[in-house]
Each structure stands twice: as structure tokens, then as C-alpha cells.
Amino acid sequence: MARTGNRRPAQQRSAQQRHSAQPRRRVAWWLPILVALVTAYAFLPAIHNGFTDWDDPFYATDQPLIHDLSPAGIRTLFSTFVEGNYHPLTMASFAVDYHFWKLDPQGYHVENVALHVIVTLAVFGFVFLLTGQNAMAAIAALFFGI
């Protein structure tokens, strides 16, 4: 007679086998926070800069399109080329900046650093999904962020 007392049920055994066959893909919670802090720290000096004479007059300081955040103004932002370029999300971002900060460059820079940190975290998440490795995701995100 076969001994069945030491054997696990088939359902339980297959669930454990499936679990052990899959690689552990858990993000170390502190790594994305560290990546965000290092990236923000690297760009912290930019917050105190002013506007430049390169393209800021065309896109921010002398641009009347960003002064109107009404539905008609947003429609205009999404249907207008600025300096030969079509980038409505950038112009909409400038319109939001102008709404809150007017022409104070510090507000524009704070928002840009915050957006850059968010995108850097998205890079971390994307690389982690591709590789399943925390270290690889952190290194790639730091290269992107800095």
C-alpha cells in the first residue's frame, strides 16, 4: 500500500511550484525615494535661476497665448504653432505656470523640477518592469534623472 500521509495535495503543491518558479519582483520601497531625492537635489540650484534670453521670451515672458487659461484659450493652445513648433502640452504647462506664478521664474522652475522627478520615477518603474531588478532600475533612473 502506498504511503499518502506525507504527500501534499496536488493543488497545494502546484501553487507552491508556480510561486517558486516565478522570480521575486518586489520593489525595495526606499530605492525610488532615494532616486527622487538625488534627482531633486541635483536640480535644486535651478530653482533660484531666472528666465533666459534664449527662448523664454518666445514661450513664456512675451507669449500672450499663455495668459488665457479659459476653454477658448486652451483650444487656441492646442491649435497654434509657436516658433514653428507644435507642442500644446508644453504651452499648456506654461499657461498653468502663468496662472499661478505670473512671471516669477521660481514657480516655473519648481514645476519643471517636480515634473522631471516624476518622469524619473516613471523611468525607474519602466526599467523595473522590464528587468525585475531593483539595482538596474535605480541605475537607469539615476542616469536619466541626473
N, C-alpha and C. Protein backbone atom coordinates (compact mmCIF):
# COMPACT_ATOMS: atom_id res chain seq x y z
N MET A 1 0.84 -1.17 0.00
CA MET A 1 0.00 0.00 0.00
C MET A 1 0.89 1.24 0.00
N ALA A 2 0.54 2.24 -0.81
CA ALA A 2 1.34 3.45 -0.93
C ALA A 2 1.09 4.37 0.25
N ARG A 3 2.15 5.03 0.64
CA ARG A 3 2.02 5.96 1.76
C ARG A 3 1.56 7.31 1.22
N THR A 4 0.43 7.80 1.67
CA THR A 4 -0.10 9.09 1.21
C THR A 4 -0.08 10.14 2.30
N GLY A 5 0.31 9.79 3.49
CA GLY A 5 0.28 10.73 4.61
C GLY A 5 1.31 11.86 4.47
N ASN A 6 2.44 11.63 3.79
CA ASN A 6 3.49 12.62 3.66
C ASN A 6 3.36 13.46 2.39
N ARG A 7 2.43 13.13 1.57
CA ARG A 7 2.28 13.83 0.30
C ARG A 7 1.34 15.02 0.45
N ARG A 8 1.67 16.06 -0.24
CA ARG A 8 0.81 17.25 -0.24
C ARG A 8 -0.25 17.11 -1.32
N PRO A 9 -1.40 17.74 -1.11
CA PRO A 9 -2.41 17.70 -2.16
C PRO A 9 -1.88 18.35 -3.44
N ALA A 10 -2.37 17.90 -4.57
CA ALA A 10 -1.88 18.37 -5.88
C ALA A 10 -2.08 19.87 -6.06
N GLN A 11 -3.19 20.41 -5.59
CA GLN A 11 -3.44 21.84 -5.75
C GLN A 11 -2.44 22.66 -4.95
N GLN A 12 -2.16 22.26 -3.74
CA GLN A 12 -1.23 23.00 -2.90
C GLN A 12 0.18 22.91 -3.47
N ARG A 13 0.58 21.74 -3.94
CA ARG A 13 1.90 21.55 -4.49
C ARG A 13 2.10 22.39 -5.76
N SER A 14 1.12 22.42 -6.63
CA SER A 14 1.28 23.17 -7.87
C SER A 14 1.31 24.68 -7.60
N ALA A 15 0.59 25.15 -6.59
CA ALA A 15 0.63 26.57 -6.26
C ALA A 15 2.02 26.95 -5.73
N GLN A 16 2.61 26.08 -4.92
CA GLN A 16 3.95 26.36 -4.40
C GLN A 16 4.98 26.29 -5.51
N GLN A 17 4.84 25.35 -6.41
CA GLN A 17 5.78 25.25 -7.53
C GLN A 17 5.69 26.47 -8.42
N ARG A 18 4.46 26.93 -8.68
CA ARG A 18 4.29 28.13 -9.51
C ARG A 18 4.92 29.33 -8.84
N HIS A 19 4.73 29.45 -7.53
CA HIS A 19 5.28 30.60 -6.80
C HIS A 19 6.81 30.57 -6.82
N SER A 20 7.40 29.39 -6.65
CA SER A 20 8.87 29.34 -6.63
C SER A 20 9.45 29.48 -8.03
N ALA A 21 8.69 29.17 -9.07
CA ALA A 21 9.19 29.29 -10.44
C ALA A 21 9.23 30.75 -10.90
N GLN A 22 8.39 31.60 -10.33
CA GLN A 22 8.36 33.00 -10.72
C GLN A 22 9.43 33.77 -9.97
N PRO A 23 10.16 34.65 -10.66
CA PRO A 23 11.17 35.44 -9.95
C PRO A 23 10.49 36.44 -9.02
N ARG A 24 11.17 36.73 -7.94
CA ARG A 24 10.63 37.71 -6.99
C ARG A 24 10.79 39.08 -7.60
N ARG A 25 9.68 39.79 -7.79
CA ARG A 25 9.70 41.11 -8.40
C ARG A 25 9.09 42.11 -7.44
N ARG A 26 9.78 42.39 -6.39
CA ARG A 26 9.31 43.37 -5.41
C ARG A 26 10.25 44.55 -5.41
N VAL A 27 9.67 45.73 -5.47
CA VAL A 27 10.47 46.94 -5.44
C VAL A 27 10.86 47.23 -4.01
N ALA A 28 12.14 47.46 -3.80
CA ALA A 28 12.59 47.93 -2.50
C ALA A 28 12.05 49.35 -2.35
N TRP A 29 11.18 49.58 -1.39
CA TRP A 29 10.43 50.85 -1.28
C TRP A 29 11.34 52.06 -1.18
N TRP A 30 12.52 51.90 -0.63
CA TRP A 30 13.39 53.05 -0.40
C TRP A 30 14.15 53.47 -1.66
N LEU A 31 14.30 52.59 -2.64
CA LEU A 31 15.07 52.94 -3.83
C LEU A 31 14.43 54.05 -4.67
N PRO A 32 13.13 53.98 -5.01
CA PRO A 32 12.55 55.10 -5.76
C PRO A 32 12.60 56.41 -4.99
N ILE A 33 12.45 56.33 -3.66
CA ILE A 33 12.54 57.55 -2.86
C ILE A 33 13.94 58.13 -2.93
N LEU A 34 14.95 57.27 -2.85
CA LEU A 34 16.34 57.72 -2.96
C LEU A 34 16.60 58.33 -4.34
N VAL A 35 16.11 57.69 -5.38
CA VAL A 35 16.28 58.22 -6.75
C VAL A 35 15.63 59.59 -6.87
N ALA A 36 14.43 59.74 -6.32
CA ALA A 36 13.72 61.03 -6.39
C ALA A 36 14.48 62.10 -5.62
N LEU A 37 14.99 61.77 -4.45
CA LEU A 37 15.72 62.76 -3.66
C LEU A 37 17.03 63.18 -4.32
N VAL A 38 17.76 62.22 -4.88
CA VAL A 38 19.03 62.56 -5.55
C VAL A 38 18.76 63.42 -6.77
N THR A 39 17.73 63.08 -7.54
CA THR A 39 17.39 63.87 -8.73
C THR A 39 16.98 65.29 -8.33
N ALA A 40 16.11 65.41 -7.35
CA ALA A 40 15.68 66.74 -6.90
C ALA A 40 16.86 67.54 -6.38
N TYR A 41 17.74 66.90 -5.63
CA TYR A 41 18.91 67.60 -5.09
C TYR A 41 19.82 68.09 -6.21
N ALA A 42 19.97 67.29 -7.26
CA ALA A 42 20.83 67.69 -8.38
C ALA A 42 20.30 68.93 -9.08
N PHE A 43 18.97 69.08 -9.12
CA PHE A 43 18.39 70.21 -9.84
C PHE A 43 17.93 71.33 -8.90
N LEU A 44 18.16 71.19 -7.62
CA LEU A 44 17.75 72.21 -6.67
C LEU A 44 18.30 73.60 -6.98
N PRO A 45 19.56 73.75 -7.42
CA PRO A 45 20.06 75.09 -7.73
C PRO A 45 19.28 75.79 -8.86
N ALA A 46 18.68 75.02 -9.74
CA ALA A 46 17.94 75.62 -10.87
C ALA A 46 16.73 76.41 -10.40
N ILE A 47 16.21 76.09 -9.24
CA ILE A 47 15.01 76.76 -8.74
C ILE A 47 15.25 78.26 -8.55
N HIS A 48 16.46 78.63 -8.26
CA HIS A 48 16.78 80.04 -7.99
C HIS A 48 17.23 80.81 -9.22
N ASN A 49 17.22 80.16 -10.37
CA ASN A 49 17.61 80.84 -11.61
C ASN A 49 16.47 81.70 -12.14
N GLY A 50 16.81 82.61 -13.01
CA GLY A 50 15.80 83.45 -13.64
C GLY A 50 15.45 82.92 -15.03
N PHE A 51 14.75 83.73 -15.78
CA PHE A 51 14.48 83.39 -17.17
C PHE A 51 15.74 83.64 -17.99
N THR A 52 15.82 83.00 -19.15
CA THR A 52 16.97 83.23 -20.04
C THR A 52 16.51 84.04 -21.25
N ASP A 53 17.47 84.49 -22.03
CA ASP A 53 17.14 85.22 -23.25
C ASP A 53 17.11 84.30 -24.47
N TRP A 54 17.32 83.00 -24.28
CA TRP A 54 17.38 82.08 -25.40
C TRP A 54 16.00 81.91 -26.04
N ASP A 55 15.10 81.25 -25.33
CA ASP A 55 13.77 81.03 -25.89
C ASP A 55 12.64 81.39 -24.93
N ASP A 56 12.97 81.82 -23.72
CA ASP A 56 11.93 82.19 -22.76
C ASP A 56 11.04 83.33 -23.25
N PRO A 57 11.57 84.34 -23.95
CA PRO A 57 10.65 85.37 -24.45
C PRO A 57 9.60 84.81 -25.42
N PHE A 58 9.99 83.83 -26.24
CA PHE A 58 9.06 83.27 -27.21
C PHE A 58 8.01 82.37 -26.58
N TYR A 59 8.38 81.70 -25.49
CA TYR A 59 7.49 80.71 -24.90
C TYR A 59 6.84 81.15 -23.59
N ALA A 60 7.46 82.07 -22.85
CA ALA A 60 6.93 82.40 -21.53
C ALA A 60 6.76 83.90 -21.31
N THR A 61 7.84 84.64 -21.28
CA THR A 61 7.75 86.02 -20.81
C THR A 61 6.99 86.94 -21.75
N ASP A 62 7.12 86.76 -23.05
CA ASP A 62 6.43 87.63 -24.02
C ASP A 62 5.36 86.89 -24.81
N GLN A 63 4.88 85.76 -24.31
CA GLN A 63 3.92 84.94 -25.05
C GLN A 63 2.50 85.20 -24.57
N PRO A 64 1.66 85.88 -25.37
CA PRO A 64 0.29 86.18 -24.94
C PRO A 64 -0.61 84.94 -24.88
N LEU A 65 -0.26 83.85 -25.58
CA LEU A 65 -1.11 82.66 -25.57
C LEU A 65 -1.25 82.04 -24.18
N ILE A 66 -0.22 82.18 -23.35
CA ILE A 66 -0.27 81.52 -22.04
C ILE A 66 -1.05 82.33 -21.00
N HIS A 67 -1.52 83.50 -21.38
CA HIS A 67 -2.25 84.34 -20.43
C HIS A 67 -3.72 83.94 -20.29
N ASP A 68 -4.21 83.11 -21.19
CA ASP A 68 -5.62 82.76 -21.21
C ASP A 68 -5.79 81.27 -20.94
N LEU A 69 -6.27 80.93 -19.76
CA LEU A 69 -6.47 79.53 -19.38
C LEU A 69 -7.94 79.11 -19.49
N SER A 70 -8.72 79.92 -20.19
CA SER A 70 -10.13 79.58 -20.41
C SER A 70 -10.23 78.45 -21.44
N PRO A 71 -11.41 77.84 -21.59
CA PRO A 71 -11.56 76.80 -22.62
C PRO A 71 -11.18 77.29 -24.02
N ALA A 72 -11.55 78.53 -24.34
CA ALA A 72 -11.16 79.06 -25.66
C ALA A 72 -9.64 79.23 -25.75
N GLY A 73 -9.02 79.66 -24.67
CA GLY A 73 -7.57 79.81 -24.66
C GLY A 73 -6.86 78.47 -24.79
N ILE A 74 -7.39 77.45 -24.13
CA ILE A 74 -6.79 76.12 -24.24
C ILE A 74 -6.96 75.57 -25.65
N ARG A 75 -8.13 75.81 -26.27
CA ARG A 75 -8.33 75.41 -27.67
C ARG A 75 -7.30 76.07 -28.56
N THR A 76 -7.03 77.34 -28.30
CA THR A 76 -6.03 78.07 -29.09
C THR A 76 -4.65 77.46 -28.88
N LEU A 77 -4.32 77.10 -27.64
CA LEU A 77 -3.02 76.47 -27.37
C LEU A 77 -2.85 75.18 -28.15
N PHE A 78 -3.95 74.42 -28.30
CA PHE A 78 -3.88 73.13 -28.97
C PHE A 78 -4.05 73.24 -30.48
N SER A 79 -4.16 74.44 -31.00
CA SER A 79 -4.31 74.60 -32.45
C SER A 79 -3.33 75.62 -33.02
N THR A 80 -2.30 75.98 -32.26
CA THR A 80 -1.38 77.02 -32.69
C THR A 80 0.06 76.52 -32.64
N PHE A 81 0.80 76.85 -33.67
CA PHE A 81 2.24 76.59 -33.68
C PHE A 81 2.93 77.80 -33.04
N VAL A 82 3.91 77.55 -32.20
CA VAL A 82 4.67 78.62 -31.56
C VAL A 82 6.12 78.46 -32.00
N GLU A 83 6.66 79.48 -32.61
CA GLU A 83 8.03 79.47 -33.11
C GLU A 83 8.28 78.28 -34.04
N GLY A 84 7.29 77.96 -34.85
CA GLY A 84 7.43 76.86 -35.81
C GLY A 84 7.28 75.48 -35.21
N ASN A 85 6.94 75.39 -33.93
CA ASN A 85 6.81 74.10 -33.26
C ASN A 85 5.38 73.92 -32.76
N TYR A 86 4.91 72.66 -32.81
CA TYR A 86 3.61 72.33 -32.25
C TYR A 86 3.84 71.49 -31.01
N HIS A 87 3.70 72.10 -29.84
CA HIS A 87 3.83 71.38 -28.58
C HIS A 87 2.81 71.94 -27.59
N PRO A 88 1.57 71.52 -27.76
CA PRO A 88 0.49 72.08 -26.93
C PRO A 88 0.61 71.75 -25.45
N LEU A 89 1.15 70.59 -25.08
CA LEU A 89 1.26 70.27 -23.66
C LEU A 89 2.27 71.18 -22.97
N THR A 90 3.35 71.50 -23.66
CA THR A 90 4.33 72.43 -23.11
C THR A 90 3.69 73.80 -22.91
N MET A 91 2.97 74.25 -23.92
CA MET A 91 2.33 75.56 -23.81
C MET A 91 1.24 75.57 -22.74
N ALA A 92 0.51 74.46 -22.62
CA ALA A 92 -0.50 74.37 -21.57
C ALA A 92 0.17 74.40 -20.19
N SER A 93 1.33 73.75 -20.07
CA SER A 93 2.08 73.80 -18.82
C SER A 93 2.51 75.23 -18.50
N PHE A 94 2.96 75.96 -19.52
CA PHE A 94 3.33 77.37 -19.31
C PHE A 94 2.11 78.20 -18.92
N ALA A 95 0.95 77.87 -19.49
CA ALA A 95 -0.27 78.60 -19.14
C ALA A 95 -0.65 78.37 -17.68
N VAL A 96 -0.51 77.14 -17.21
CA VAL A 96 -0.78 76.85 -15.80
C VAL A 96 0.23 77.58 -14.92
N ASP A 97 1.50 77.56 -15.33
CA ASP A 97 2.52 78.30 -14.57
C ASP A 97 2.18 79.78 -14.49
N TYR A 98 1.80 80.34 -15.63
CA TYR A 98 1.48 81.77 -15.65
C TYR A 98 0.27 82.07 -14.76
N HIS A 99 -0.69 81.16 -14.77
CA HIS A 99 -1.89 81.35 -13.95
C HIS A 99 -1.52 81.46 -12.47
N PHE A 100 -0.62 80.59 -12.01
CA PHE A 100 -0.26 80.57 -10.59
C PHE A 100 0.88 81.51 -10.23
N TRP A 101 1.86 81.69 -11.11
CA TRP A 101 3.08 82.40 -10.76
C TRP A 101 3.28 83.70 -11.52
N LYS A 102 2.41 83.98 -12.49
CA LYS A 102 2.62 85.14 -13.39
C LYS A 102 4.01 85.05 -14.00
N LEU A 103 4.87 86.03 -13.78
CA LEU A 103 6.21 85.98 -14.38
C LEU A 103 7.31 85.80 -13.33
N ASP A 104 7.00 85.05 -12.27
CA ASP A 104 8.02 84.71 -11.28
C ASP A 104 8.69 83.40 -11.73
N PRO A 105 9.96 83.46 -12.13
CA PRO A 105 10.61 82.27 -12.69
C PRO A 105 10.75 81.13 -11.70
N GLN A 106 10.76 81.42 -10.41
CA GLN A 106 10.93 80.36 -9.42
C GLN A 106 9.80 79.33 -9.52
N GLY A 107 8.58 79.77 -9.71
CA GLY A 107 7.45 78.85 -9.84
C GLY A 107 7.59 77.94 -11.06
N TYR A 108 8.03 78.50 -12.17
CA TYR A 108 8.24 77.71 -13.38
C TYR A 108 9.30 76.63 -13.13
N HIS A 109 10.38 77.01 -12.45
CA HIS A 109 11.47 76.07 -12.21
C HIS A 109 11.06 74.98 -11.21
N VAL A 110 10.30 75.34 -10.19
CA VAL A 110 9.82 74.34 -9.22
C VAL A 110 8.97 73.31 -9.93
N GLU A 111 8.06 73.77 -10.79
CA GLU A 111 7.20 72.83 -11.51
C GLU A 111 8.02 71.94 -12.44
N ASN A 112 9.00 72.50 -13.12
CA ASN A 112 9.82 71.69 -14.03
C ASN A 112 10.65 70.66 -13.30
N VAL A 113 11.21 71.01 -12.14
CA VAL A 113 11.96 70.03 -11.36
C VAL A 113 11.02 68.93 -10.87
N ALA A 114 9.83 69.30 -10.42
CA ALA A 114 8.86 68.30 -9.96
C ALA A 114 8.46 67.36 -11.10
N LEU A 115 8.21 67.90 -12.27
CA LEU A 115 7.87 67.05 -13.42
C LEU A 115 9.03 66.13 -13.78
N HIS A 116 10.24 66.65 -13.70
CA HIS A 116 11.41 65.82 -14.03
C HIS A 116 11.56 64.67 -13.02
N VAL A 117 11.31 64.94 -11.75
CA VAL A 117 11.39 63.89 -10.74
C VAL A 117 10.32 62.83 -10.99
N ILE A 118 9.12 63.26 -11.35
CA ILE A 118 8.03 62.31 -11.64
C ILE A 118 8.38 61.43 -12.83
N VAL A 119 8.92 62.02 -13.88
CA VAL A 119 9.29 61.24 -15.06
C VAL A 119 10.46 60.31 -14.73
N THR A 120 11.37 60.75 -13.89
CA THR A 120 12.48 59.88 -13.47
C THR A 120 11.95 58.67 -12.71
N LEU A 121 10.94 58.86 -11.88
CA LEU A 121 10.31 57.73 -11.19
C LEU A 121 9.59 56.81 -12.17
N ALA A 122 9.02 57.39 -13.21
CA ALA A 122 8.40 56.56 -14.25
C ALA A 122 9.45 55.71 -14.97
N VAL A 123 10.62 56.28 -15.21
CA VAL A 123 11.72 55.51 -15.81
C VAL A 123 12.11 54.37 -14.88
N PHE A 124 12.21 54.65 -13.58
CA PHE A 124 12.51 53.59 -12.61
C PHE A 124 11.50 52.46 -12.74
N GLY A 125 10.21 52.81 -12.73
CA GLY A 125 9.16 51.79 -12.82
C GLY A 125 9.21 51.01 -14.12
N PHE A 126 9.47 51.69 -15.21
CA PHE A 126 9.52 51.04 -16.52
C PHE A 126 10.69 50.05 -16.60
N VAL A 127 11.86 50.48 -16.16
CA VAL A 127 13.03 49.60 -16.20
C VAL A 127 12.84 48.43 -15.24
N PHE A 128 12.21 48.68 -14.09
CA PHE A 128 11.94 47.59 -13.17
C PHE A 128 10.98 46.57 -13.79
N LEU A 129 9.97 47.05 -14.49
CA LEU A 129 9.05 46.12 -15.16
C LEU A 129 9.75 45.31 -16.24
N LEU A 130 10.71 45.92 -16.92
CA LEU A 130 11.44 45.21 -17.97
C LEU A 130 12.41 44.18 -17.41
N THR A 131 13.10 44.53 -16.33
CA THR A 131 14.18 43.68 -15.84
C THR A 131 13.85 42.93 -14.57
N GLY A 132 12.98 43.48 -13.73
CA GLY A 132 12.69 42.88 -12.44
C GLY A 132 13.80 43.08 -11.43
N GLN A 133 14.75 43.96 -11.75
CA GLN A 133 15.90 44.18 -10.87
C GLN A 133 15.88 45.59 -10.31
N ASN A 134 15.91 45.69 -9.00
CA ASN A 134 15.91 46.99 -8.34
C ASN A 134 17.15 47.81 -8.69
N ALA A 135 18.31 47.18 -8.63
CA ALA A 135 19.55 47.91 -8.89
C ALA A 135 19.59 48.44 -10.32
N MET A 136 19.20 47.64 -11.26
CA MET A 136 19.19 48.07 -12.67
C MET A 136 18.23 49.24 -12.86
N ALA A 137 17.06 49.17 -12.25
CA ALA A 137 16.08 50.25 -12.36
C ALA A 137 16.60 51.53 -11.73
N ALA A 138 17.25 51.42 -10.58
CA ALA A 138 17.78 52.60 -9.90
C ALA A 138 18.90 53.25 -10.70
N ILE A 139 19.80 52.44 -11.23
CA ILE A 139 20.92 52.98 -12.01
C ILE A 139 20.41 53.67 -13.27
N ALA A 140 19.50 53.03 -13.98
CA ALA A 140 18.96 53.63 -15.21
C ALA A 140 18.22 54.93 -14.88
N ALA A 141 17.43 54.92 -13.82
CA ALA A 141 16.67 56.12 -13.46
C ALA A 141 17.62 57.25 -13.04
N LEU A 142 18.67 56.92 -12.31
CA LEU A 142 19.63 57.95 -11.92
C LEU A 142 20.37 58.52 -13.13
N PHE A 143 20.74 57.67 -14.07
CA PHE A 143 21.36 58.19 -15.31
C PHE A 143 20.41 59.12 -16.03
N PHE A 144 19.15 58.74 -16.09
CA PHE A 144 18.16 59.62 -16.73
C PHE A 144 17.96 60.89 -15.92
N GLY A 145 17.78 60.74 -14.63
CA GLY A 145 17.44 61.87 -13.78
C GLY A 145 18.53 62.92 -13.66
N ILE A 146 19.76 62.47 -13.60
CA ILE A 146 20.86 63.41 -13.42
C ILE A 146 21.45 63.77 -14.75
